[in-house]
PDB file of N, CA and C in Angstrom:
ATOM      1  N   MET A   1      91.861 128.285  80.841  1.00  0.00           N
ATOM      2  CA  MET A   1      92.176 126.961  80.798  1.00  0.00           C
ATOM      3  C   MET A   1      92.041 126.417  82.210  1.00  0.00           C
ATOM      4  N   GLU A   2      91.369 125.299  82.260  1.00  0.00           N
ATOM      5  CA  GLU A   2      90.910 124.666  83.681  1.00  0.00           C
ATOM      6  C   GLU A   2      92.390 123.791  83.957  1.00  0.00           C
ATOM      7  N   THR A   3      92.695 124.058  85.371  1.00  0.00           N
ATOM      8  CA  THR A   3      93.843 122.972  85.597  1.00  0.00           C
ATOM      9  C   THR A   3      93.255 121.872  86.540  1.00  0.00           C
ATOM     10  N   PRO A   4      94.379 120.904  86.766  1.00  0.00           N
ATOM     11  CA  PRO A   4      93.787 119.821  87.446  1.00  0.00           C
ATOM     12  C   PRO A   4      93.355 120.043  89.021  1.00  0.00           C
ATOM     13  N   HIS A   5      93.800 121.194  89.559  1.00  0.00           N
ATOM     14  CA  HIS A   5      93.302 121.800  90.904  1.00  0.00           C
ATOM     15  C   HIS A   5      91.635 122.314  90.713  1.00  0.00           C
ATOM     16  N   ASP A   6      91.498 122.959  89.962  1.00  0.00           N
ATOM     17  CA  ASP A   6      90.255 123.360  89.532  1.00  0.00           C
ATOM     18  C   ASP A   6      89.228 122.442  89.412  1.00  0.00           C
ATOM     19  N   LEU A   7      89.682 121.249  88.557  1.00  0.00           N
ATOM     20  CA  LEU A   7      88.698 120.191  88.181  1.00  0.00           C
ATOM     21  C   LEU A   7      88.385 119.209  89.561  1.00  0.00           C
ATOM     22  N   PHE A   8      89.467 119.071  90.163  1.00  0.00           N
ATOM     23  CA  PHE A   8      89.369 118.231  91.587  1.00  0.00           C
ATOM     24  C   PHE A   8      88.250 118.977  92.281  1.00  0.00           C
ATOM     25  N   ARG A   9      88.556 120.371  92.374  1.00  0.00           N
ATOM     26  CA  ARG A   9      87.645 121.239  93.290  1.00  0.00           C
ATOM     27  C   ARG A   9      86.177 120.948  92.835  1.00  0.00           C
ATOM     28  N   GLN A  10      85.946 121.169  91.726  1.00  0.00           N
ATOM     29  CA  GLN A  10      84.644 121.303  90.979  1.00  0.00           C
ATOM     30  C   GLN A  10      84.108 119.940  91.159  1.00  0.00           C
ATOM     31  N   VAL A  11      84.729 118.530  91.216  1.00  0.00           N
ATOM     32  CA  VAL A  11      84.096 117.545  91.198  1.00  0.00           C
ATOM     33  C   VAL A  11      83.646 117.395  92.727  1.00  0.00           C
ATOM     34  N   ILE A  12      84.472 117.811  93.673  1.00  0.00           N
ATOM     35  CA  ILE A  12      84.208 117.573  94.988  1.00  0.00           C
ATOM     36  C   ILE A  12      83.135 118.460  95.514  1.00  0.00           C
ATOM     37  N   ALA A  13      82.934 119.610  94.905  1.00  0.00           N
ATOM     38  CA  ALA A  13      81.718 120.531  95.426  1.00  0.00           C
ATOM     39  C   ALA A  13      80.535 119.808  94.534  1.00  0.00           C
ATOM     40  N   GLU A  14      80.761 119.357  93.677  1.00  0.00           N
ATOM     41  CA  GLU A  14      79.341 118.766  92.936  1.00  0.00           C
ATOM     42  C   GLU A  14      79.195 117.257  93.777  1.00  0.00           C
ATOM     43  N   THR A  15      80.079 116.467  93.895  1.00  0.00           N
ATOM     44  CA  THR A  15      79.875 115.257  94.315  1.00  0.00           C
ATOM     45  C   THR A  15      80.391 114.706  95.989  1.00  0.00           C
ATOM     46  N   GLY A  16      81.358 115.630  96.334  1.00  0.00           N
ATOM     47  CA  GLY A  16      81.896 115.369  97.650  1.00  0.00           C
ATOM     48  C   GLY A  16      82.661 114.177  97.668  1.00  0.00           C
ATOM     49  N   ASP A  17      82.964 113.392  96.614  1.00  0.00           N
ATOM     50  CA  ASP A  17      83.756 112.143  96.472  1.00  0.00           C
ATOM     51  C   ASP A  17      84.976 112.608  95.989  1.00  0.00           C
ATOM     52  N   ARG A  18      86.179 112.245  96.896  1.00  0.00           N
ATOM     53  CA  ARG A  18      87.285 112.247  96.687  1.00  0.00           C
ATOM     54  C   ARG A  18      87.897 111.377  95.607  1.00  0.00           C
ATOM     55  N   ILE A  19      87.714 110.392  95.848  1.00  0.00           N
ATOM     56  CA  ILE A  19      87.718 109.120  94.836  1.00  0.00           C
ATOM     57  C   ILE A  19      87.672 109.654  93.499  1.00  0.00           C
ATOM     58  N   ALA A  20      86.227 110.060  93.031  1.00  0.00           N
ATOM     59  CA  ALA A  20      85.474 110.572  92.047  1.00  0.00           C
ATOM     60  C   ALA A  20      86.278 111.607  91.176  1.00  0.00           C
ATOM     61  N   ALA A  21      87.072 112.506  92.141  1.00  0.00           N
ATOM     62  CA  ALA A  21      87.682 113.616  91.800  1.00  0.00           C
ATOM     63  C   ALA A  21      89.091 113.121  91.563  1.00  0.00           C
ATOM     64  N   ILE A  22      89.669 112.369  92.274  1.00  0.00           N
ATOM     65  CA  ILE A  22      90.958 111.630  91.583  1.00  0.00           C
ATOM     66  C   ILE A  22      91.018 111.253  90.365  1.00  0.00           C
ATOM     67  N   ARG A  23      90.339 110.192  90.382  1.00  0.00           N
ATOM     68  CA  ARG A  23      89.911 109.478  88.997  1.00  0.00           C
ATOM     69  C   ARG A  23      89.661 110.625  87.860  1.00  0.00           C
ATOM     70  N   THR A  24      88.971 111.479  87.903  1.00  0.00           N
ATOM     71  CA  THR A  24      88.575 112.462  87.234  1.00  0.00           C
ATOM     72  C   THR A  24      89.819 113.150  86.501  1.00  0.00           C
ATOM     73  N   ILE A  25      90.392 113.756  87.445  1.00  0.00           N
ATOM     74  CA  ILE A  25      91.737 114.605  87.160  1.00  0.00           C
ATOM     75  C   ILE A  25      92.692 113.474  86.391  1.00  0.00           C
ATOM     76  N   ARG A  26      92.959 112.566  86.780  1.00  0.00           N
ATOM     77  CA  ARG A  26      93.708 111.622  86.399  1.00  0.00           C
ATOM     78  C   ARG A  26      93.425 111.150  85.029  1.00  0.00           C
ATOM     79  N   GLN A  27      92.065 110.838  84.589  1.00  0.00           N
ATOM     80  CA  GLN A  27      91.655 110.683  83.259  1.00  0.00           C
ATOM     81  C   GLN A  27      91.906 111.797  82.427  1.00  0.00           C
ATOM     82  N   ARG A  28      91.429 112.902  82.731  1.00  0.00           N
ATOM     83  CA  ARG A  28      91.506 114.265  81.940  1.00  0.00           C
ATOM     84  C   ARG A  28      92.740 114.808  81.717  1.00  0.00           C
ATOM     85  N   PHE A  29      93.804 114.495  82.807  1.00  0.00           N
ATOM     86  CA  PHE A  29      95.034 114.959  82.682  1.00  0.00           C
ATOM     87  C   PHE A  29      96.074 114.052  82.350  1.00  0.00           C
ATOM     88  N   GLY A  30      95.889 112.930  82.291  1.00  0.00           N
ATOM     89  CA  GLY A  30      96.893 111.935  82.151  1.00  0.00           C
ATOM     90  C   GLY A  30      97.705 111.526  83.459  1.00  0.00           C
ATOM     91  N   LEU A  31      97.463 111.850  84.456  1.00  0.00           N
ATOM     92  CA  LEU A  31      98.391 111.787  85.478  1.00  0.00           C
ATOM     93  C   LEU A  31      98.261 110.189  86.351  1.00  0.00           C
ATOM     94  N   ASP A  32      99.386 110.188  87.015  1.00  0.00           N
ATOM     95  CA  ASP A  32      99.170 108.624  87.505  1.00  0.00           C
ATOM     96  C   ASP A  32      98.835 109.078  89.069  1.00  0.00           C
ATOM     97  N   LEU A  33      98.546 108.106  89.682  1.00  0.00           N
ATOM     98  CA  LEU A  33      98.261 108.166  91.014  1.00  0.00           C
ATOM     99  C   LEU A  33      98.750 109.205  92.068  1.00  0.00           C
ATOM    100  N   ARG A  34     100.205 109.002  91.838  1.00  0.00           N
ATOM    101  CA  ARG A  34     100.851 109.794  92.880  1.00  0.00           C
ATOM    102  C   ARG A  34     100.593 111.183  92.437  1.00  0.00           C
ATOM    103  N   GLN A  35     100.764 111.541  91.211  1.00  0.00           N
ATOM    104  CA  GLN A  35     100.513 113.150  90.768  1.00  0.00           C
ATOM    105  C   GLN A  35      99.071 113.393  91.195  1.00  0.00           C
ATOM    106  N   ALA A  36      98.018 112.784  91.073  1.00  0.00           N
ATOM    107  CA  ALA A  36      96.859 113.149  91.549  1.00  0.00           C
ATOM    108  C   ALA A  36      96.518 113.177  93.047  1.00  0.00           C
ATOM    109  N   LYS A  37      97.318 112.463  93.663  1.00  0.00           N
ATOM    110  CA  LYS A  37      97.252 112.608  95.267  1.00  0.00           C
ATOM    111  C   LYS A  37      98.078 113.941  95.590  1.00  0.00           C
ATOM    112  N   GLU A  38      98.748 114.123  94.982  1.00  0.00           N
ATOM    113  CA  GLU A  38      99.451 115.447  95.197  1.00  0.00           C
ATOM    114  C   GLU A  38      98.546 116.934  94.901  1.00  0.00           C
ATOM    115  N   ILE A  39      98.015 116.758  93.762  1.00  0.00           N
ATOM    116  CA  ILE A  39      96.996 117.674  93.229  1.00  0.00           C
ATOM    117  C   ILE A  39      95.717 117.649  94.156  1.00  0.00           C
ATOM    118  N   MET A  40      95.328 116.508  94.835  1.00  0.00           N
ATOM    119  CA  MET A  40      94.267 116.500  95.851  1.00  0.00           C
ATOM    120  C   MET A  40      95.081 117.513  96.985  1.00  0.00           C
ATOM    121  N   LEU A  41      96.137 117.024  97.628  1.00  0.00           N
ATOM    122  CA  LEU A  41      96.713 117.651  98.930  1.00  0.00           C
ATOM    123  C   LEU A  41      96.718 119.139  98.520  1.00  0.00           C
ATOM    124  N   GLN A  42      97.207 119.572  97.400  1.00  0.00           N
ATOM    125  CA  GLN A  42      97.518 121.036  97.322  1.00  0.00           C
ATOM    126  C   GLN A  42      96.076 121.798  96.944  1.00  0.00           C
ATOM    127  N   ALA A  43      95.109 121.049  96.282  1.00  0.00           N
ATOM    128  CA  ALA A  43      93.868 121.514  96.167  1.00  0.00           C
ATOM    129  C   ALA A  43      93.130 121.910  97.362  1.00  0.00           C
ATOM    130  N   GLU A  44      93.254 120.819  98.604  1.00  0.00           N
ATOM    131  CA  GLU A  44      92.750 120.935  99.697  1.00  0.00           C
ATOM    132  C   GLU A  44      93.827 121.904 100.837  1.00  0.00           C
ATOM    133  N   GLY A  45      94.599 122.537 100.305  1.00  0.00           N
ATOM    134  CA  GLY A  45      95.534 122.936 100.948  1.00  0.00           C
ATOM    135  C   GLY A  45      96.182 122.448 102.481  1.00  0.00           C
ATOM    136  N   ILE A  46      96.325 120.961 102.197  1.00  0.00           N
ATOM    137  CA  ILE A  46      96.872 120.380 103.123  1.00  0.00           C
ATOM    138  C   ILE A  46      98.394 120.209 103.124  1.00  0.00           C
ATOM    139  N   ALA A  47      98.994 120.076 102.073  1.00  0.00           N
ATOM    140  CA  ALA A  47     100.526 120.215 101.779  1.00  0.00           C
ATOM    141  C   ALA A  47     100.691 120.525 100.336  1.00  0.00           C
ATOM    142  N   THR A  48     102.173 121.028 100.223  1.00  0.00           N
ATOM    143  CA  THR A  48     102.576 121.638  98.758  1.00  0.00           C
ATOM    144  C   THR A  48     103.011 120.091  98.071  1.00  0.00           C
ATOM    145  N   SER A  49     103.219 119.029  98.869  1.00  0.00           N
ATOM    146  CA  SER A  49     103.619 117.800  97.843  1.00  0.00           C
ATOM    147  C   SER A  49     103.501 116.480  98.723  1.00  0.00           C
ATOM    148  N   LEU A  50     103.302 115.229  98.024  1.00  0.00           N
ATOM    149  CA  LEU A  50     102.872 114.173  98.703  1.00  0.00           C
ATOM    150  C   LEU A  50     103.853 113.681  99.898  1.00  0.00           C
ATOM    151  N   ASP A  51     105.237 114.087  99.527  1.00  0.00           N
ATOM    152  CA  ASP A  51     106.685 113.607 100.199  1.00  0.00           C
ATOM    153  C   ASP A  51     106.353 114.697 101.742  1.00  0.00           C
ATOM    154  N   GLU A  52     105.894 115.939 101.427  1.00  0.00           N
ATOM    155  CA  GLU A  52     105.635 116.795 102.692  1.00  0.00           C
ATOM    156  C   GLU A  52     104.650 116.287 103.305  1.00  0.00           C
ATOM    157  N   HIS A  53     103.699 115.728 102.896  1.00  0.00           N
ATOM    158  CA  HIS A  53     102.336 115.296 103.660  1.00  0.00           C
ATOM    159  C   HIS A  53     102.657 113.976 104.280  1.00  0.00           C
ATOM    160  N   GLN A  54     103.482 112.919 103.873  1.00  0.00           N
ATOM    161  CA  GLN A  54     103.964 111.584 104.189  1.00  0.00           C
ATOM    162  C   GLN A  54     105.120 111.972 105.455  1.00  0.00           C
ATOM    163  N   GLY A  55     105.842 113.009 105.307  1.00  0.00           N
ATOM    164  CA  GLY A  55     106.645 113.528 106.287  1.00  0.00           C
ATOM    165  C   GLY A  55     106.244 113.795 107.543  1.00  0.00           C
ATOM    166  N   ARG A  56     104.962 114.406 107.450  1.00  0.00           N
ATOM    167  CA  ARG A  56     103.972 115.024 108.555  1.00  0.00           C
ATOM    168  C   ARG A  56     103.366 113.845 109.300  1.00  0.00           C
ATOM    169  N   LEU A  57     103.039 113.094 108.335  1.00  0.00           N
ATOM    170  CA  LEU A  57     102.360 111.930 109.115  1.00  0.00           C
ATOM    171  C   LEU A  57     103.289 111.340 109.802  1.00  0.00           C
ATOM    172  N   ALA A  58     104.312 110.892 109.349  1.00  0.00           N
ATOM    173  CA  ALA A  58     105.536 109.969 110.051  1.00  0.00           C
ATOM    174  C   ALA A  58     106.147 110.690 111.499  1.00  0.00           C
ATOM    175  N   GLU A  59     105.991 111.958 111.433  1.00  0.00           N
ATOM    176  CA  GLU A  59     106.397 112.594 112.485  1.00  0.00           C
ATOM    177  C   GLU A  59     105.418 112.684 113.417  1.00  0.00           C
ATOM    178  N   ALA A  60     103.932 112.612 113.138  1.00  0.00           N
ATOM    179  CA  ALA A  60     103.112 112.641 114.252  1.00  0.00           C
ATOM    180  C   ALA A  60     103.031 111.290 114.720  1.00  0.00           C
ATOM    181  N   LEU A  61     103.002 110.227 113.830  1.00  0.00           N
ATOM    182  CA  LEU A  61     103.165 108.907 114.158  1.00  0.00           C
ATOM    183  C   LEU A  61     104.257 108.749 115.540  1.00  0.00           C
ATOM    184  N   GLU A  62     105.301 109.098 115.007  1.00  0.00           N
ATOM    185  CA  GLU A  62     106.521 108.946 115.948  1.00  0.00           C
ATOM    186  C   GLU A  62     106.212 109.484 117.205  1.00  0.00           C
ATOM    187  N   ARG A  63     105.568 110.688 117.030  1.00  0.00           N
ATOM    188  CA  ARG A  63     105.351 111.662 118.284  1.00  0.00           C
ATOM    189  C   ARG A  63     104.181 110.707 119.394  1.00  0.00           C
ATOM    190  N   GLU A  64     103.367 110.162 118.667  1.00  0.00           N
ATOM    191  CA  GLU A  64     102.262 109.271 119.306  1.00  0.00           C
ATOM    192  C   GLU A  64     102.924 108.181 120.007  1.00  0.00           C
ATOM    193  N   LEU A  65     103.619 107.503 119.236  1.00  0.00           N
ATOM    194  CA  LEU A  65     104.309 106.407 119.891  1.00  0.00           C
ATOM    195  C   LEU A  65     105.224 106.574 121.172  1.00  0.00           C
ATOM    196  N   ARG A  66     106.212 107.602 120.854  1.00  0.00           N
ATOM    197  CA  ARG A  66     106.864 107.940 122.089  1.00  0.00           C
ATOM    198  C   ARG A  66     105.913 108.407 123.159  1.00  0.00           C
ATOM    199  N   GLU A  67     104.639 109.410 123.009  1.00  0.00           N
ATOM    200  CA  GLU A  67     103.922 109.600 124.031  1.00  0.00           C
ATOM    201  C   GLU A  67     103.310 108.366 124.834  1.00  0.00           C
ATOM    202  N   LYS A  68     102.996 107.307 123.963  1.00  0.00           N
ATOM    203  CA  LYS A  68     102.377 106.280 124.513  1.00  0.00           C
ATOM    204  C   LYS A  68     103.158 105.376 125.190  1.00  0.00           C
ATOM    205  N   ASP A  69     104.438 105.392 124.742  1.00  0.00           N
ATOM    206  CA  ASP A  69     105.424 104.596 125.249  1.00  0.00           C
ATOM    207  C   ASP A  69     106.164 105.434 126.703  1.00  0.00           C
ATOM    208  N   GLY A  70     106.082 106.652 126.796  1.00  0.00           N
ATOM    209  CA  GLY A  70     106.375 107.126 127.773  1.00  0.00           C
ATOM    210  C   GLY A  70     107.904 107.510 128.088  1.00  0.00           C
ATOM    211  N   PRO A  71     108.280 107.800 129.054  1.00  0.00           N
ATOM    212  CA  PRO A  71     109.754 108.253 129.180  1.00  0.00           C
ATOM    213  C   PRO A  71     110.592 106.804 128.916  1.00  0.00           C
ATOM    214  N   ALA A  72     111.849 107.076 128.228  1.00  0.00           N
ATOM    215  CA  ALA A  72     112.637 105.797 128.037  1.00  0.00           C
ATOM    216  C   ALA A  72     113.417 105.665 129.257  1.00  0.00           C
TER     217      ALA A  72
END
């Protein structure tokens, strides 16, 4: 049985188009956008969840802002 992760990777391999891959798994598996994004992150080995990924982004942004502003 094909998983959303497998299908996502297949579409990426065939097209290189992440938007098409997200659209395809949403249609085939009835996923909402958040679920599809989470599948993308997992399939690409970026994060285990969307919350984890967003948390990492927030931390990186905060770190960059602190470095830009210099010592308080």
